N, C-alpha and C. Protein backbone atom coordinates (compact mmCIF):
# COMPACT_ATOMS: atom_id res chain seq x y z
N UNK A 1 0.85 -1.17 0.00
CA UNK A 1 0.00 0.00 0.00
C UNK A 1 0.89 1.24 0.00
N UNK A 2 0.70 2.11 -0.97
CA UNK A 2 1.53 3.31 -1.04
C UNK A 2 0.79 4.50 -0.41
N UNK A 3 1.56 5.37 0.17
CA UNK A 3 0.99 6.57 0.78
C UNK A 3 1.04 7.70 -0.23
N UNK A 4 -0.03 8.47 -0.28
CA UNK A 4 -0.08 9.62 -1.18
C UNK A 4 0.00 10.88 -0.35
N UNK A 5 0.94 11.73 -0.66
CA UNK A 5 1.11 12.98 0.07
C UNK A 5 0.19 14.04 -0.52
N UNK A 6 -0.58 14.69 0.37
CA UNK A 6 -1.50 15.74 -0.06
C UNK A 6 -1.00 17.07 0.48
N UNK A 7 -0.83 18.03 -0.41
CA UNK A 7 -0.37 19.36 -0.02
C UNK A 7 -1.59 20.20 0.36
N UNK A 8 -1.71 20.54 1.62
CA UNK A 8 -2.84 21.33 2.09
C UNK A 8 -2.51 22.82 2.04
N UNK A 9 -1.33 23.17 2.50
CA UNK A 9 -0.90 24.57 2.51
C UNK A 9 0.38 24.69 1.69
N UNK A 10 0.43 25.71 0.84
CA UNK A 10 1.63 25.89 0.04
C UNK A 10 2.74 26.54 0.87
N UNK A 11 3.89 26.70 0.25
CA UNK A 11 5.07 27.21 0.95
C UNK A 11 4.84 28.62 1.50
N UNK A 12 4.19 29.49 0.72
CA UNK A 12 3.92 30.85 1.19
C UNK A 12 3.02 30.84 2.42
N UNK A 13 1.97 30.03 2.41
CA UNK A 13 1.05 30.00 3.55
C UNK A 13 1.74 29.52 4.82
N UNK A 14 2.61 28.53 4.69
CA UNK A 14 3.36 28.07 5.86
C UNK A 14 4.32 29.14 6.35
N UNK A 15 5.04 29.79 5.42
CA UNK A 15 5.94 30.89 5.79
C UNK A 15 5.18 32.00 6.49
N UNK A 16 4.06 32.42 5.90
CA UNK A 16 3.26 33.52 6.45
C UNK A 16 2.75 33.17 7.84
N UNK A 17 2.24 31.97 8.01
CA UNK A 17 1.70 31.57 9.30
C UNK A 17 2.77 31.55 10.38
N UNK A 18 3.89 30.91 10.14
CA UNK A 18 4.89 30.76 11.18
C UNK A 18 5.65 32.05 11.48
N UNK A 19 5.88 32.88 10.48
CA UNK A 19 6.53 34.16 10.78
C UNK A 19 5.57 35.09 11.50
N UNK A 20 4.29 35.01 11.17
CA UNK A 20 3.30 35.80 11.91
C UNK A 20 3.21 35.32 13.36
N UNK A 21 3.22 34.02 13.58
CA UNK A 21 3.18 33.48 14.93
C UNK A 21 4.42 33.91 15.72
N UNK A 22 5.58 33.88 15.10
CA UNK A 22 6.81 34.30 15.78
C UNK A 22 6.75 35.78 16.14
N UNK A 23 6.27 36.62 15.22
CA UNK A 23 6.17 38.06 15.50
C UNK A 23 5.20 38.33 16.63
N UNK A 24 4.08 37.62 16.66
CA UNK A 24 3.10 37.82 17.74
C UNK A 24 3.68 37.36 19.07
N UNK A 25 4.44 36.26 19.06
CA UNK A 25 5.08 35.80 20.29
C UNK A 25 6.08 36.85 20.80
N UNK A 26 6.87 37.42 19.89
CA UNK A 26 7.82 38.47 20.28
C UNK A 26 7.07 39.67 20.84
N UNK A 27 5.96 40.05 20.21
CA UNK A 27 5.16 41.18 20.71
C UNK A 27 4.61 40.89 22.11
N UNK A 28 4.14 39.68 22.34
CA UNK A 28 3.65 39.31 23.67
C UNK A 28 4.76 39.38 24.71
N UNK A 29 5.90 38.77 24.39
CA UNK A 29 7.02 38.73 25.32
C UNK A 29 7.51 40.13 25.66
N UNK A 30 7.71 40.95 24.63
CA UNK A 30 8.21 42.30 24.89
C UNK A 30 7.15 43.17 25.54
N UNK A 31 5.89 42.96 25.19
CA UNK A 31 4.80 43.72 25.82
C UNK A 31 4.71 43.43 27.31
N UNK A 32 4.84 42.16 27.68
CA UNK A 32 4.84 41.82 29.11
C UNK A 32 6.04 42.43 29.81
N UNK A 33 7.18 42.44 29.14
CA UNK A 33 8.38 43.03 29.72
C UNK A 33 8.25 44.53 29.88
N UNK A 34 7.63 45.20 28.92
CA UNK A 34 7.43 46.65 29.00
C UNK A 34 6.57 46.99 30.21
N UNK A 35 5.61 46.14 30.50
CA UNK A 35 4.73 46.38 31.65
C UNK A 35 5.30 45.82 32.96
N UNK A 36 6.50 45.28 32.91
CA UNK A 36 7.18 44.85 34.13
C UNK A 36 6.77 43.49 34.64
N UNK A 37 6.24 42.63 33.79
CA UNK A 37 5.79 41.32 34.24
C UNK A 37 6.89 40.26 34.21
N UNK A 38 8.05 40.59 33.66
CA UNK A 38 9.21 39.71 33.75
C UNK A 38 10.47 40.58 33.77
N UNK A 39 11.55 40.07 34.33
CA UNK A 39 12.76 40.88 34.52
C UNK A 39 13.76 40.83 33.37
N UNK A 40 13.46 40.17 32.26
CA UNK A 40 14.44 39.96 31.20
C UNK A 40 14.46 41.14 30.24
N UNK A 41 15.51 41.90 30.26
CA UNK A 41 15.67 43.02 29.35
C UNK A 41 15.28 44.35 29.98
N UNK A 42 15.95 45.39 29.53
CA UNK A 42 15.61 46.71 30.06
C UNK A 42 14.51 47.33 29.19
N UNK A 43 13.88 48.35 29.72
CA UNK A 43 12.71 48.97 29.09
C UNK A 43 13.00 49.45 27.67
N UNK A 44 14.10 50.17 27.48
CA UNK A 44 14.42 50.73 26.17
C UNK A 44 14.62 49.66 25.10
N UNK A 45 15.34 48.61 25.46
CA UNK A 45 15.58 47.52 24.52
C UNK A 45 14.28 46.82 24.15
N UNK A 46 13.45 46.56 25.17
CA UNK A 46 12.17 45.89 24.92
C UNK A 46 11.25 46.73 24.03
N UNK A 47 11.24 48.04 24.26
CA UNK A 47 10.41 48.91 23.42
C UNK A 47 10.91 48.89 21.98
N UNK A 48 12.22 48.94 21.80
CA UNK A 48 12.79 48.91 20.45
C UNK A 48 12.44 47.61 19.73
N UNK A 49 12.60 46.48 20.41
CA UNK A 49 12.27 45.19 19.82
C UNK A 49 10.78 45.11 19.52
N UNK A 50 9.96 45.65 20.42
CA UNK A 50 8.51 45.64 20.25
C UNK A 50 8.10 46.42 19.00
N UNK A 51 8.70 47.58 18.82
CA UNK A 51 8.38 48.41 17.65
C UNK A 51 8.81 47.72 16.36
N UNK A 52 9.99 47.13 16.36
CA UNK A 52 10.48 46.43 15.16
C UNK A 52 9.57 45.23 14.84
N UNK A 53 9.17 44.48 15.86
CA UNK A 53 8.28 43.33 15.64
C UNK A 53 6.92 43.79 15.12
N UNK A 54 6.42 44.90 15.63
CA UNK A 54 5.13 45.42 15.15
C UNK A 54 5.23 45.86 13.69
N UNK A 55 6.31 46.55 13.35
CA UNK A 55 6.50 46.96 11.96
C UNK A 55 6.66 45.75 11.04
N UNK A 56 7.39 44.75 11.51
CA UNK A 56 7.56 43.53 10.73
C UNK A 56 6.21 42.86 10.49
N UNK A 57 5.37 42.79 11.51
CA UNK A 57 4.05 42.18 11.37
C UNK A 57 3.18 42.96 10.40
N UNK A 58 3.25 44.28 10.45
CA UNK A 58 2.48 45.09 9.51
C UNK A 58 2.95 44.88 8.08
N UNK A 59 4.26 44.81 7.87
CA UNK A 59 4.80 44.55 6.53
C UNK A 59 4.37 43.16 6.06
N UNK A 60 4.37 42.20 6.96
CA UNK A 60 3.95 40.85 6.62
C UNK A 60 2.49 40.83 6.19
N UNK A 61 1.63 41.57 6.88
CA UNK A 61 0.21 41.64 6.50
C UNK A 61 0.04 42.32 5.14
N UNK A 62 0.78 43.39 4.92
CA UNK A 62 0.70 44.08 3.62
C UNK A 62 1.17 43.15 2.51
N UNK A 63 2.25 42.42 2.76
CA UNK A 63 2.74 41.46 1.77
C UNK A 63 1.71 40.37 1.51
N UNK A 64 1.02 39.91 2.55
CA UNK A 64 0.00 38.88 2.37
C UNK A 64 -1.15 39.39 1.51
N UNK A 65 -1.58 40.62 1.73
CA UNK A 65 -2.64 41.20 0.89
C UNK A 65 -2.16 41.29 -0.55
N UNK A 66 -0.94 41.77 -0.75
CA UNK A 66 -0.36 41.84 -2.09
C UNK A 66 -0.31 40.46 -2.74
N UNK A 67 0.12 39.47 -1.99
CA UNK A 67 0.23 38.11 -2.50
C UNK A 67 -1.14 37.58 -2.94
N UNK A 68 -2.14 37.76 -2.09
CA UNK A 68 -3.47 37.26 -2.41
C UNK A 68 -4.06 37.96 -3.63
N UNK A 69 -3.82 39.25 -3.75
CA UNK A 69 -4.36 39.99 -4.89
C UNK A 69 -3.66 39.64 -6.20
N UNK A 70 -2.36 39.44 -6.15
CA UNK A 70 -1.61 39.17 -7.38
C UNK A 70 -1.70 37.72 -7.84
N UNK A 71 -1.89 36.79 -6.92
CA UNK A 71 -1.96 35.38 -7.31
C UNK A 71 -3.38 34.91 -7.53
N UNK A 72 -4.36 35.71 -7.14
CA UNK A 72 -5.76 35.31 -7.29
C UNK A 72 -6.25 34.39 -6.19
N UNK A 73 -5.44 34.16 -5.18
CA UNK A 73 -5.87 33.27 -4.10
C UNK A 73 -6.89 33.93 -3.17
N UNK A 74 -7.20 35.20 -3.41
CA UNK A 74 -8.25 35.87 -2.63
C UNK A 74 -9.60 35.22 -2.88
N UNK A 75 -9.77 34.56 -4.02
CA UNK A 75 -11.05 33.91 -4.34
C UNK A 75 -11.39 32.80 -3.34
N UNK A 76 -10.37 32.28 -2.69
CA UNK A 76 -10.57 31.23 -1.70
C UNK A 76 -11.43 31.73 -0.53
N UNK A 77 -11.40 33.02 -0.25
CA UNK A 77 -12.09 33.59 0.90
C UNK A 77 -13.49 34.12 0.58
N UNK A 78 -13.90 34.06 -0.68
CA UNK A 78 -15.23 34.54 -1.07
C UNK A 78 -16.23 33.41 -0.84
N UNK A 79 -17.25 33.65 0.00
CA UNK A 79 -18.23 32.58 0.25
C UNK A 79 -19.12 32.34 -0.98
N UNK A 80 -19.39 31.09 -1.22
CA UNK A 80 -20.28 30.71 -2.31
C UNK A 80 -21.31 29.71 -1.80
N UNK A 81 -22.36 29.52 -2.56
CA UNK A 81 -23.38 28.54 -2.20
C UNK A 81 -23.04 27.16 -2.72
N UNK A 82 -21.92 27.03 -3.39
CA UNK A 82 -21.49 25.75 -3.94
C UNK A 82 -21.28 24.73 -2.83
N UNK A 83 -21.98 23.62 -2.92
CA UNK A 83 -21.82 22.56 -1.94
C UNK A 83 -22.72 22.67 -0.72
N UNK A 84 -23.57 23.69 -0.67
CA UNK A 84 -24.47 23.82 0.47
C UNK A 84 -25.67 22.88 0.36
N UNK A 85 -26.12 22.64 -0.89
CA UNK A 85 -27.30 21.79 -1.05
C UNK A 85 -26.97 20.56 -1.80
């Protein structure tokens, strides 16, 4: 019996998901540090890292919108009645 590999998410979707998850984790970690909930790092460094991570996340979102518009994969998100009945 042979196994057939099914590709559910393409390379871009995996890259986008995991880099977005990493940026959000960095934002959480630095945000908690800015508010004094952990002792790792000084305030100025944490704020700088937080701002860079936020800018990176915004660029990632803009790139994702660009990607969906240029590749036509935005159609995946349009609801249709196909398959409802």
